[in-house]
Amino acid sequence: MIVVGKSLHRNGKHYLFGECSNEEMSDSANNFLYVGYCLVNTGFAFFFLNSAGNLTTVAQLLEFITYSQGTIFFSLGLMHFVNIIFAPRIIMYFLNKKLLTTKK
């Protein structure tokens, strides 16, 4: 999961900069999305570890791993595509409304 997060963070920077030409805003949004990805991923992992119960057979273990990993991957993938659609629009909205500034 760390490799996936780093890859999304590295490649997402170029996408966000293409959508919003302000480099500081693009980097900030990209870092924000990466932190959110890590927190959600960690939260799901802890939730599933807490709900594991007693796994007595290899079949139960494999079923638990596939269910938990499938749920995590599906949720994170869905959130990733939602972020691809809405993150640049939200940044541009706030820049246009002067709620965010690019001056230091």
PDB file of N, CA and C in Angstrom:
ATOM      1  N   MET A   1       0.824  -1.188   0.000  1.00  0.00           N
ATOM      2  CA  MET A   1       0.000   0.000   0.000  1.00  0.00           C
ATOM      3  C   MET A   1       0.864   1.246   0.000  1.00  0.00           C
ATOM      4  N   ILE A   2       2.018   1.192   0.617  1.00  0.00           N
ATOM      5  CA  ILE A   2       2.896   2.355   0.634  1.00  0.00           C
ATOM      6  C   ILE A   2       3.390   2.658  -0.771  1.00  0.00           C
ATOM      7  N   VAL A   3       3.701   1.629  -1.536  1.00  0.00           N
ATOM      8  CA  VAL A   3       4.165   1.826  -2.912  1.00  0.00           C
ATOM      9  C   VAL A   3       3.069   2.477  -3.751  1.00  0.00           C
ATOM     10  N   VAL A   4       1.841   2.035  -3.566  1.00  0.00           N
ATOM     11  CA  VAL A   4       0.715   2.621  -4.306  1.00  0.00           C
ATOM     12  C   VAL A   4       0.539   4.080  -3.921  1.00  0.00           C
ATOM     13  N   GLY A   5       0.600   4.390  -2.633  1.00  0.00           N
ATOM     14  CA  GLY A   5       0.451   5.766  -2.178  1.00  0.00           C
ATOM     15  C   GLY A   5       1.540   6.676  -2.721  1.00  0.00           C
ATOM     16  N   LYS A   6       2.781   6.214  -2.693  1.00  0.00           N
ATOM     17  CA  LYS A   6       3.888   7.019  -3.229  1.00  0.00           C
ATOM     18  C   LYS A   6       3.728   7.241  -4.729  1.00  0.00           C
ATOM     19  N   SER A   7       3.287   6.209  -5.445  1.00  0.00           N
ATOM     20  CA  SER A   7       3.084   6.342  -6.891  1.00  0.00           C
ATOM     21  C   SER A   7       1.970   7.338  -7.208  1.00  0.00           C
ATOM     22  N   LEU A   8       0.869   7.251  -6.474  1.00  0.00           N
ATOM     23  CA  LEU A   8      -0.221   8.204  -6.680  1.00  0.00           C
ATOM     24  C   LEU A   8       0.220   9.617  -6.331  1.00  0.00           C
ATOM     25  N   HIS A   9       0.997   9.766  -5.288  1.00  0.00           N
ATOM     26  CA  HIS A   9       1.482  11.083  -4.873  1.00  0.00           C
ATOM     27  C   HIS A   9       2.409  11.671  -5.935  1.00  0.00           C
ATOM     28  N   ARG A  10       3.330  10.857  -6.453  1.00  0.00           N
ATOM     29  CA  ARG A  10       4.284  11.321  -7.453  1.00  0.00           C
ATOM     30  C   ARG A  10       3.589  11.686  -8.769  1.00  0.00           C
ATOM     31  N   ASN A  11       2.710  10.820  -9.248  1.00  0.00           N
ATOM     32  CA  ASN A  11       2.053  11.060 -10.528  1.00  0.00           C
ATOM     33  C   ASN A  11       0.885  12.029 -10.411  1.00  0.00           C
ATOM     34  N   GLY A  12       0.261  12.089  -9.245  1.00  0.00           N
ATOM     35  CA  GLY A  12      -0.852  13.014  -9.051  1.00  0.00           C
ATOM     36  C   GLY A  12      -0.417  14.457  -9.073  1.00  0.00           C
ATOM     37  N   LYS A  13       0.842  14.705  -8.710  1.00  0.00           N
ATOM     38  CA  LYS A  13       1.368  16.066  -8.727  1.00  0.00           C
ATOM     39  C   LYS A  13       1.293  16.654 -10.139  1.00  0.00           C
ATOM     40  N   HIS A  14       1.636  15.858 -11.131  1.00  0.00           N
ATOM     41  CA  HIS A  14       1.612  16.332 -12.514  1.00  0.00           C
ATOM     42  C   HIS A  14       0.181  16.568 -12.989  1.00  0.00           C
ATOM     43  N   TYR A  15      -0.722  15.707 -12.588  1.00  0.00           N
ATOM     44  CA  TYR A  15      -2.124  15.875 -12.965  1.00  0.00           C
ATOM     45  C   TYR A  15      -2.696  17.149 -12.355  1.00  0.00           C
ATOM     46  N   LEU A  16      -2.485  17.344 -11.055  1.00  0.00           N
ATOM     47  CA  LEU A  16      -3.032  18.525 -10.400  1.00  0.00           C
ATOM     48  C   LEU A  16      -2.429  19.805 -10.948  1.00  0.00           C
ATOM     49  N   PHE A  17      -1.132  19.785 -11.283  1.00  0.00           N
ATOM     50  CA  PHE A  17      -0.508  20.975 -11.865  1.00  0.00           C
ATOM     51  C   PHE A  17      -1.074  21.257 -13.247  1.00  0.00           C
ATOM     52  N   GLY A  18      -1.437  20.220 -13.977  1.00  0.00           N
ATOM     53  CA  GLY A  18      -2.056  20.413 -15.290  1.00  0.00           C
ATOM     54  C   GLY A  18      -3.447  21.018 -15.186  1.00  0.00           C
ATOM     55  N   GLU A  19      -4.146  20.710 -14.107  1.00  0.00           N
ATOM     56  CA  GLU A  19      -5.497  21.243 -13.904  1.00  0.00           C
ATOM     57  C   GLU A  19      -5.484  22.620 -13.250  1.00  0.00           C
ATOM     58  N   CYS A  20      -4.536  22.867 -12.401  1.00  0.00           N
ATOM     59  CA  CYS A  20      -4.415  24.140 -11.679  1.00  0.00           C
ATOM     60  C   CYS A  20      -2.970  24.585 -11.825  1.00  0.00           C
ATOM     61  N   SER A  21      -2.738  25.654 -12.566  1.00  0.00           N
ATOM     62  CA  SER A  21      -1.368  26.040 -12.900  1.00  0.00           C
ATOM     63  C   SER A  21      -0.591  26.648 -11.733  1.00  0.00           C
ATOM     64  N   ASN A  22      -1.229  26.831 -10.600  1.00  0.00           N
ATOM     65  CA  ASN A  22      -0.545  27.346  -9.429  1.00  0.00           C
ATOM     66  C   ASN A  22       0.186  26.190  -8.752  1.00  0.00           C
ATOM     67  N   GLU A  23       1.520  26.215  -8.812  1.00  0.00           N
ATOM     68  CA  GLU A  23       2.305  25.086  -8.326  1.00  0.00           C
ATOM     69  C   GLU A  23       2.173  24.884  -6.815  1.00  0.00           C
ATOM     70  N   GLU A  24       2.117  25.958  -6.048  1.00  0.00           N
ATOM     71  CA  GLU A  24       1.989  25.823  -4.594  1.00  0.00           C
ATOM     72  C   GLU A  24       0.668  25.171  -4.214  1.00  0.00           C
ATOM     73  N   MET A  25      -0.405  25.590  -4.877  1.00  0.00           N
ATOM     74  CA  MET A  25      -1.715  25.005  -4.591  1.00  0.00           C
ATOM     75  C   MET A  25      -1.759  23.541  -5.007  1.00  0.00           C
ATOM     76  N   SER A  26      -1.176  23.229  -6.135  1.00  0.00           N
ATOM     77  CA  SER A  26      -1.159  21.843  -6.600  1.00  0.00           C
ATOM     78  C   SER A  26      -0.378  20.953  -5.642  1.00  0.00           C
ATOM     79  N   ASP A  27       0.777  21.429  -5.193  1.00  0.00           N
ATOM     80  CA  ASP A  27       1.569  20.649  -4.241  1.00  0.00           C
ATOM     81  C   ASP A  27       0.839  20.483  -2.914  1.00  0.00           C
ATOM     82  N   SER A  28       0.213  21.552  -2.439  1.00  0.00           N
ATOM     83  CA  SER A  28      -0.522  21.468  -1.174  1.00  0.00           C
ATOM     84  C   SER A  28      -1.681  20.489  -1.272  1.00  0.00           C
ATOM     85  N   ALA A  29      -2.440  20.562  -2.357  1.00  0.00           N
ATOM     86  CA  ALA A  29      -3.566  19.653  -2.545  1.00  0.00           C
ATOM     87  C   ALA A  29      -3.081  18.211  -2.672  1.00  0.00           C
ATOM     88  N   ASN A  30      -1.976  18.013  -3.371  1.00  0.00           N
ATOM     89  CA  ASN A  30      -1.428  16.678  -3.546  1.00  0.00           C
ATOM     90  C   ASN A  30      -0.968  16.100  -2.209  1.00  0.00           C
ATOM     91  N   ASN A  31      -0.307  16.906  -1.396  1.00  0.00           N
ATOM     92  CA  ASN A  31       0.122  16.442  -0.070  1.00  0.00           C
ATOM     93  C   ASN A  31      -1.077  16.142   0.821  1.00  0.00           C
ATOM     94  N   PHE A  32      -2.101  16.980   0.743  1.00  0.00           N
ATOM     95  CA  PHE A  32      -3.321  16.763   1.512  1.00  0.00           C
ATOM     96  C   PHE A  32      -3.980  15.435   1.124  1.00  0.00           C
ATOM     97  N   LEU A  33      -4.052  15.156  -0.169  1.00  0.00           N
ATOM     98  CA  LEU A  33      -4.645  13.908  -0.637  1.00  0.00           C
ATOM     99  C   LEU A  33      -3.822  12.699  -0.208  1.00  0.00           C
ATOM    100  N   TYR A  34      -2.501  12.842  -0.199  1.00  0.00           N
ATOM    101  CA  TYR A  34      -1.637  11.730   0.223  1.00  0.00           C
ATOM    102  C   TYR A  34      -1.821  11.426   1.714  1.00  0.00           C
ATOM    103  N   VAL A  35      -1.881  12.464   2.523  1.00  0.00           N
ATOM    104  CA  VAL A  35      -2.104  12.259   3.959  1.00  0.00           C
ATOM    105  C   VAL A  35      -3.463  11.601   4.189  1.00  0.00           C
ATOM    106  N   GLY A  36      -4.480  12.059   3.475  1.00  0.00           N
ATOM    107  CA  GLY A  36      -5.800  11.438   3.584  1.00  0.00           C
ATOM    108  C   GLY A  36      -5.773   9.976   3.174  1.00  0.00           C
ATOM    109  N   TYR A  37      -5.056   9.665   2.111  1.00  0.00           N
ATOM    110  CA  TYR A  37      -4.916   8.280   1.653  1.00  0.00           C
ATOM    111  C   TYR A  37      -4.289   7.416   2.748  1.00  0.00           C
ATOM    112  N   CYS A  38      -3.214   7.913   3.349  1.00  0.00           N
ATOM    113  CA  CYS A  38      -2.528   7.147   4.397  1.00  0.00           C
ATOM    114  C   CYS A  38      -3.422   6.953   5.615  1.00  0.00           C
ATOM    115  N   LEU A  39      -4.149   7.993   6.011  1.00  0.00           N
ATOM    116  CA  LEU A  39      -5.008   7.884   7.182  1.00  0.00           C
ATOM    117  C   LEU A  39      -6.165   6.917   6.956  1.00  0.00           C
ATOM    118  N   VAL A  40      -6.786   6.990   5.787  1.00  0.00           N
ATOM    119  CA  VAL A  40      -7.899   6.081   5.491  1.00  0.00           C
ATOM    120  C   VAL A  40      -7.393   4.646   5.406  1.00  0.00           C
ATOM    121  N   ASN A  41      -6.266   4.444   4.755  1.00  0.00           N
ATOM    122  CA  ASN A  41      -5.688   3.113   4.624  1.00  0.00           C
ATOM    123  C   ASN A  41      -5.365   2.527   5.999  1.00  0.00           C
ATOM    124  N   THR A  42      -4.755   3.318   6.858  1.00  0.00           N
ATOM    125  CA  THR A  42      -4.416   2.862   8.200  1.00  0.00           C
ATOM    126  C   THR A  42      -5.673   2.582   9.026  1.00  0.00           C
ATOM    127  N   GLY A  43      -6.662   3.453   8.906  1.00  0.00           N
ATOM    128  CA  GLY A  43      -7.917   3.249   9.632  1.00  0.00           C
ATOM    129  C   GLY A  43      -8.610   1.964   9.229  1.00  0.00           C
ATOM    130  N   PHE A  44      -8.674   1.690   7.932  1.00  0.00           N
ATOM    131  CA  PHE A  44      -9.267   0.443   7.469  1.00  0.00           C
ATOM    132  C   PHE A  44      -8.488  -0.759   7.994  1.00  0.00           C
ATOM    133  N   ALA A  45      -7.168  -0.675   7.936  1.00  0.00           N
ATOM    134  CA  ALA A  45      -6.346  -1.802   8.400  1.00  0.00           C
ATOM    135  C   ALA A  45      -6.598  -2.095   9.878  1.00  0.00           C
ATOM    136  N   PHE A  46      -6.614  -1.048  10.706  1.00  0.00           N
ATOM    137  CA  PHE A  46      -6.869  -1.252  12.134  1.00  0.00           C
ATOM    138  C   PHE A  46      -8.289  -1.756  12.384  1.00  0.00           C
ATOM    139  N   PHE A  47      -9.243  -1.255  11.626  1.00  0.00           N
ATOM    140  CA  PHE A  47     -10.619  -1.714  11.783  1.00  0.00           C
ATOM    141  C   PHE A  47     -10.725  -3.209  11.496  1.00  0.00           C
ATOM    142  N   PHE A  48     -10.125  -3.644  10.394  1.00  0.00           N
ATOM    143  CA  PHE A  48     -10.223  -5.058  10.048  1.00  0.00           C
ATOM    144  C   PHE A  48      -9.424  -5.933  11.004  1.00  0.00           C
ATOM    145  N   LEU A  49      -8.298  -5.450  11.486  1.00  0.00           N
ATOM    146  CA  LEU A  49      -7.549  -6.236  12.472  1.00  0.00           C
ATOM    147  C   LEU A  49      -8.347  -6.387  13.762  1.00  0.00           C
ATOM    148  N   ASN A  50      -9.070  -5.367  14.143  1.00  0.00           N
ATOM    149  CA  ASN A  50      -9.888  -5.422  15.351  1.00  0.00           C
ATOM    150  C   ASN A  50     -11.073  -6.368  15.181  1.00  0.00           C
ATOM    151  N   SER A  51     -11.582  -6.487  13.972  1.00  0.00           N
ATOM    152  CA  SER A  51     -12.767  -7.318  13.741  1.00  0.00           C
ATOM    153  C   SER A  51     -12.427  -8.732  13.271  1.00  0.00           C
ATOM    154  N   ALA A  52     -11.166  -9.117  13.357  1.00  0.00           N
ATOM    155  CA  ALA A  52     -10.746 -10.420  12.833  1.00  0.00           C
ATOM    156  C   ALA A  52     -11.324 -11.584  13.625  1.00  0.00           C
ATOM    157  N   GLY A  53     -11.405 -11.465  14.922  1.00  0.00           N
ATOM    158  CA  GLY A  53     -11.899 -12.579  15.727  1.00  0.00           C
ATOM    159  C   GLY A  53     -10.900 -13.727  15.739  1.00  0.00           C
ATOM    160  N   ASN A  54     -11.398 -14.925  15.964  1.00  0.00           N
ATOM    161  CA  ASN A  54     -10.547 -16.113  15.971  1.00  0.00           C
ATOM    162  C   ASN A  54     -10.547 -16.746  14.587  1.00  0.00           C
ATOM    163  N   LEU A  55      -9.401 -16.772  13.988  1.00  0.00           N
ATOM    164  CA  LEU A  55      -9.239 -17.434  12.692  1.00  0.00           C
ATOM    165  C   LEU A  55      -8.511 -18.747  12.951  1.00  0.00           C
ATOM    166  N   THR A  56      -9.225 -19.847  12.801  1.00  0.00           N
ATOM    167  CA  THR A  56      -8.653 -21.141  13.182  1.00  0.00           C
ATOM    168  C   THR A  56      -8.133 -21.950  12.007  1.00  0.00           C
ATOM    169  N   THR A  57      -8.604 -21.662  10.803  1.00  0.00           N
ATOM    170  CA  THR A  57      -8.154 -22.434   9.647  1.00  0.00           C
ATOM    171  C   THR A  57      -7.518 -21.502   8.619  1.00  0.00           C
ATOM    172  N   VAL A  58      -6.761 -22.116   7.744  1.00  0.00           N
ATOM    173  CA  VAL A  58      -6.117 -21.350   6.670  1.00  0.00           C
ATOM    174  C   VAL A  58      -7.183 -20.756   5.744  1.00  0.00           C
ATOM    175  N   ALA A  59      -8.249 -21.480   5.522  1.00  0.00           N
ATOM    176  CA  ALA A  59      -9.324 -20.977   4.663  1.00  0.00           C
ATOM    177  C   ALA A  59      -9.957 -19.723   5.259  1.00  0.00           C
ATOM    178  N   GLN A  60     -10.173 -19.704   6.561  1.00  0.00           N
ATOM    179  CA  GLN A  60     -10.722 -18.508   7.209  1.00  0.00           C
ATOM    180  C   GLN A  60      -9.746 -17.337   7.106  1.00  0.00           C
ATOM    181  N   LEU A  61      -8.466 -17.618   7.262  1.00  0.00           N
ATOM    182  CA  LEU A  61      -7.452 -16.577   7.148  1.00  0.00           C
ATOM    183  C   LEU A  61      -7.436 -15.974   5.750  1.00  0.00           C
ATOM    184  N   LEU A  62      -7.450 -16.833   4.737  1.00  0.00           N
ATOM    185  CA  LEU A  62      -7.450 -16.342   3.359  1.00  0.00           C
ATOM    186  C   LEU A  62      -8.731 -15.574   3.033  1.00  0.00           C
ATOM    187  N   GLU A  63      -9.848 -16.043   3.537  1.00  0.00           N
ATOM    188  CA  GLU A  63     -11.106 -15.340   3.328  1.00  0.00           C
ATOM    189  C   GLU A  63     -11.064 -13.964   3.983  1.00  0.00           C
ATOM    190  N   PHE A  64     -10.529 -13.888   5.187  1.00  0.00           N
ATOM    191  CA  PHE A  64     -10.422 -12.608   5.892  1.00  0.00           C
ATOM    192  C   PHE A  64      -9.512 -11.645   5.137  1.00  0.00           C
ATOM    193  N   ILE A  65      -8.365 -12.130   4.687  1.00  0.00           N
ATOM    194  CA  ILE A  65      -7.409 -11.267   3.972  1.00  0.00           C
ATOM    195  C   ILE A  65      -8.011 -10.761   2.674  1.00  0.00           C
ATOM    196  N   THR A  66      -8.648 -11.641   1.898  1.00  0.00           N
ATOM    197  CA  THR A  66      -9.204 -11.196   0.616  1.00  0.00           C
ATOM    198  C   THR A  66     -10.365 -10.236   0.815  1.00  0.00           C
ATOM    199  N   TYR A  67     -11.209 -10.481   1.800  1.00  0.00           N
ATOM    200  CA  TYR A  67     -12.323  -9.570   2.062  1.00  0.00           C
ATOM    201  C   TYR A  67     -11.832  -8.196   2.512  1.00  0.00           C
ATOM    202  N   SER A  68     -10.901  -8.189   3.463  1.00  0.00           N
ATOM    203  CA  SER A  68     -10.439  -6.909   3.988  1.00  0.00           C
ATOM    204  C   SER A  68      -9.647  -6.132   2.929  1.00  0.00           C
ATOM    205  N   GLN A  69      -8.766  -6.798   2.219  1.00  0.00           N
ATOM    206  CA  GLN A  69      -7.986  -6.105   1.201  1.00  0.00           C
ATOM    207  C   GLN A  69      -8.867  -5.640   0.041  1.00  0.00           C
ATOM    208  N   GLY A  70      -9.828  -6.449  -0.340  1.00  0.00           N
ATOM    209  CA  GLY A  70     -10.753  -6.036  -1.402  1.00  0.00           C
ATOM    210  C   GLY A  70     -11.553  -4.807  -1.019  1.00  0.00           C
ATOM    211  N   THR A  71     -12.018  -4.769   0.217  1.00  0.00           N
ATOM    212  CA  THR A  71     -12.766  -3.603   0.691  1.00  0.00           C
ATOM    213  C   THR A  71     -11.887  -2.364   0.717  1.00  0.00           C
ATOM    214  N   ILE A  72     -10.662  -2.508   1.200  1.00  0.00           N
ATOM    215  CA  ILE A  72      -9.741  -1.370   1.252  1.00  0.00           C
ATOM    216  C   ILE A  72      -9.419  -0.885  -0.156  1.00  0.00           C
ATOM    217  N   PHE A  73      -9.072  -1.778  -1.062  1.00  0.00           N
ATOM    218  CA  PHE A  73      -8.721  -1.376  -2.429  1.00  0.00           C
ATOM    219  C   PHE A  73      -9.899  -0.723  -3.138  1.00  0.00           C
ATOM    220  N   PHE A  74     -11.075  -1.294  -2.990  1.00  0.00           N
ATOM    221  CA  PHE A  74     -12.249  -0.720  -3.639  1.00  0.00           C
ATOM    222  C   PHE A  74     -12.544   0.683  -3.111  1.00  0.00           C
ATOM    223  N   SER A  75     -12.522   0.841  -1.801  1.00  0.00           N
ATOM    224  CA  SER A  75     -12.817   2.146  -1.197  1.00  0.00           C
ATOM    225  C   SER A  75     -11.789   3.192  -1.596  1.00  0.00           C
ATOM    226  N   LEU A  76     -10.510   2.836  -1.535  1.00  0.00           N
ATOM    227  CA  LEU A  76      -9.468   3.792  -1.903  1.00  0.00           C
ATOM    228  C   LEU A  76      -9.495   4.113  -3.395  1.00  0.00           C
ATOM    229  N   GLY A  77      -9.782   3.131  -4.219  1.00  0.00           N
ATOM    230  CA  GLY A  77      -9.895   3.380  -5.657  1.00  0.00           C
ATOM    231  C   GLY A  77     -11.047   4.307  -5.978  1.00  0.00           C
ATOM    232  N   LEU A  78     -12.179   4.093  -5.332  1.00  0.00           N
ATOM    233  CA  LEU A  78     -13.335   4.960  -5.527  1.00  0.00           C
ATOM    234  C   LEU A  78     -13.024   6.384  -5.075  1.00  0.00           C
ATOM    235  N   MET A  79     -12.398   6.514  -3.920  1.00  0.00           N
ATOM    236  CA  MET A  79     -12.028   7.846  -3.438  1.00  0.00           C
ATOM    237  C   MET A  79     -11.015   8.506  -4.363  1.00  0.00           C
ATOM    238  N   HIS A  80     -10.110   7.740  -4.929  1.00  0.00           N
ATOM    239  CA  HIS A  80      -9.117   8.294  -5.854  1.00  0.00           C
ATOM    240  C   HIS A  80      -9.797   8.886  -7.086  1.00  0.00           C
ATOM    241  N   PHE A  81     -10.741   8.169  -7.670  1.00  0.00           N
ATOM    242  CA  PHE A  81     -11.407   8.692  -8.856  1.00  0.00           C
ATOM    243  C   PHE A  81     -12.291   9.892  -8.537  1.00  0.00           C
ATOM    244  N   VAL A  82     -12.902   9.905  -7.373  1.00  0.00           N
ATOM    245  CA  VAL A  82     -13.678  11.078  -6.957  1.00  0.00           C
ATOM    246  C   VAL A  82     -12.750  12.280  -6.793  1.00  0.00           C
ATOM    247  N   ASN A  83     -11.565  12.051  -6.206  1.00  0.00           N
ATOM    248  CA  ASN A  83     -10.607  13.142  -6.046  1.00  0.00           C
ATOM    249  C   ASN A  83     -10.083  13.645  -7.384  1.00  0.00           C
ATOM    250  N   ILE A  84      -9.891  12.754  -8.342  1.00  0.00           N
ATOM    251  CA  ILE A  84      -9.440  13.177  -9.667  1.00  0.00           C
ATOM    252  C   ILE A  84     -10.448  14.135 -10.287  1.00  0.00           C
ATOM    253  N   ILE A  85     -11.717  13.872 -10.069  1.00  0.00           N
ATOM    254  CA  ILE A  85     -12.759  14.710 -10.654  1.00  0.00           C
ATOM    255  C   ILE A  85     -12.917  16.024  -9.896  1.00  0.00           C
ATOM    256  N   PHE A  86     -12.959  15.962  -8.567  1.00  0.00           N
ATOM    257  CA  PHE A  86     -13.354  17.145  -7.800  1.00  0.00           C
ATOM    258  C   PHE A  86     -12.215  17.992  -7.249  1.00  0.00           C
ATOM    259  N   ALA A  87     -11.044  17.444  -6.981  1.00  0.00           N
ATOM    260  CA  ALA A  87      -9.973  18.232  -6.366  1.00  0.00           C
ATOM    261  C   ALA A  87      -9.568  19.446  -7.202  1.00  0.00           C
ATOM    262  N   PRO A  88      -9.303  19.309  -8.500  1.00  0.00           N
ATOM    263  CA  PRO A  88      -8.942  20.510  -9.269  1.00  0.00           C
ATOM    264  C   PRO A  88     -10.069  21.537  -9.317  1.00  0.00           C
ATOM    265  N   ARG A  89     -11.292  21.085  -9.379  1.00  0.00           N
ATOM    266  CA  ARG A  89     -12.421  22.017  -9.420  1.00  0.00           C
ATOM    267  C   ARG A  89     -12.558  22.790  -8.117  1.00  0.00           C
ATOM    268  N   ILE A  90     -12.333  22.104  -7.009  1.00  0.00           N
ATOM    269  CA  ILE A  90     -12.422  22.770  -5.710  1.00  0.00           C
ATOM    270  C   ILE A  90     -11.314  23.808  -5.573  1.00  0.00           C
ATOM    271  N   ILE A  91     -10.101  23.463  -5.971  1.00  0.00           N
ATOM    272  CA  ILE A  91      -8.986  24.412  -5.903  1.00  0.00           C
ATOM    273  C   ILE A  91      -9.284  25.645  -6.746  1.00  0.00           C
ATOM    274  N   MET A  92      -9.722  25.430  -7.979  1.00  0.00           N
ATOM    275  CA  MET A  92      -9.999  26.568  -8.864  1.00  0.00           C
ATOM    276  C   MET A  92     -11.167  27.398  -8.338  1.00  0.00           C
ATOM    277  N   TYR A  93     -12.159  26.784  -7.750  1.00  0.00           N
ATOM    278  CA  TYR A  93     -13.289  27.517  -7.186  1.00  0.00           C
ATOM    279  C   TYR A  93     -12.817  28.474  -6.097  1.00  0.00           C
ATOM    280  N   PHE A  94     -12.010  27.967  -5.179  1.00  0.00           N
ATOM    281  CA  PHE A  94     -11.526  28.809  -4.088  1.00  0.00           C
ATOM    282  C   PHE A  94     -10.562  29.881  -4.576  1.00  0.00           C
ATOM    283  N   LEU A  95      -9.755  29.573  -5.590  1.00  0.00           N
ATOM    284  CA  LEU A  95      -8.873  30.598  -6.144  1.00  0.00           C
ATOM    285  C   LEU A  95      -9.686  31.691  -6.832  1.00  0.00           C
ATOM    286  N   ASN A  96     -10.720  31.311  -7.567  1.00  0.00           N
ATOM    287  CA  ASN A  96     -11.548  32.294  -8.262  1.00  0.00           C
ATOM    288  C   ASN A  96     -12.357  33.151  -7.300  1.00  0.00           C
ATOM    289  N   LYS A  97     -12.764  32.613  -6.185  1.00  0.00           N
ATOM    290  CA  LYS A  97     -13.548  33.361  -5.200  1.00  0.00           C
ATOM    291  C   LYS A  97     -12.661  34.163  -4.255  1.00  0.00           C
ATOM    292  N   LYS A  98     -11.351  34.097  -4.479  1.00  0.00           N
ATOM    293  CA  LYS A  98     -10.368  34.819  -3.648  1.00  0.00           C
ATOM    294  C   LYS A  98     -10.377  34.352  -2.196  1.00  0.00           C
ATOM    295  N   LEU A  99     -10.830  33.130  -1.953  1.00  0.00           N
ATOM    296  CA  LEU A  99     -10.780  32.581  -0.602  1.00  0.00           C
ATOM    297  C   LEU A  99      -9.407  31.990  -0.307  1.00  0.00           C
ATOM    298  N   LEU A 100      -8.695  31.648  -1.373  1.00  0.00           N
ATOM    299  CA  LEU A 100      -7.308  31.214  -1.252  1.00  0.00           C
ATOM    300  C   LEU A 100      -6.447  32.210  -1.999  1.00  0.00           C
ATOM    301  N   THR A 101      -5.304  32.515  -1.469  1.00  0.00           N
ATOM    302  CA  THR A 101      -4.406  33.429  -2.159  1.00  0.00           C
ATOM    303  C   THR A 101      -3.115  32.709  -2.465  1.00  0.00           C
ATOM    304  N   THR A 102      -2.397  33.193  -3.438  1.00  0.00           N
ATOM    305  CA  THR A 102      -1.135  32.583  -3.811  1.00  0.00           C
ATOM    306  C   THR A 102       0.034  33.400  -3.297  1.00  0.00           C
ATOM    307  N   LYS A 103      -0.229  34.510  -2.619  1.00  0.00           N
ATOM    308  CA  LYS A 103       0.853  35.350  -2.086  1.00  0.00           C
ATOM    309  C   LYS A 103       1.287  34.832  -0.735  1.00  0.00           C
ATOM    310  N   LYS A 104       2.561  34.984  -0.438  1.00  0.00           N
ATOM    311  CA  LYS A 104       3.112  34.544   0.842  1.00  0.00           C
ATOM    312  C   LYS A 104       3.015  35.638   1.861  1.00  0.00           C
TER     313      LYS A 104
END
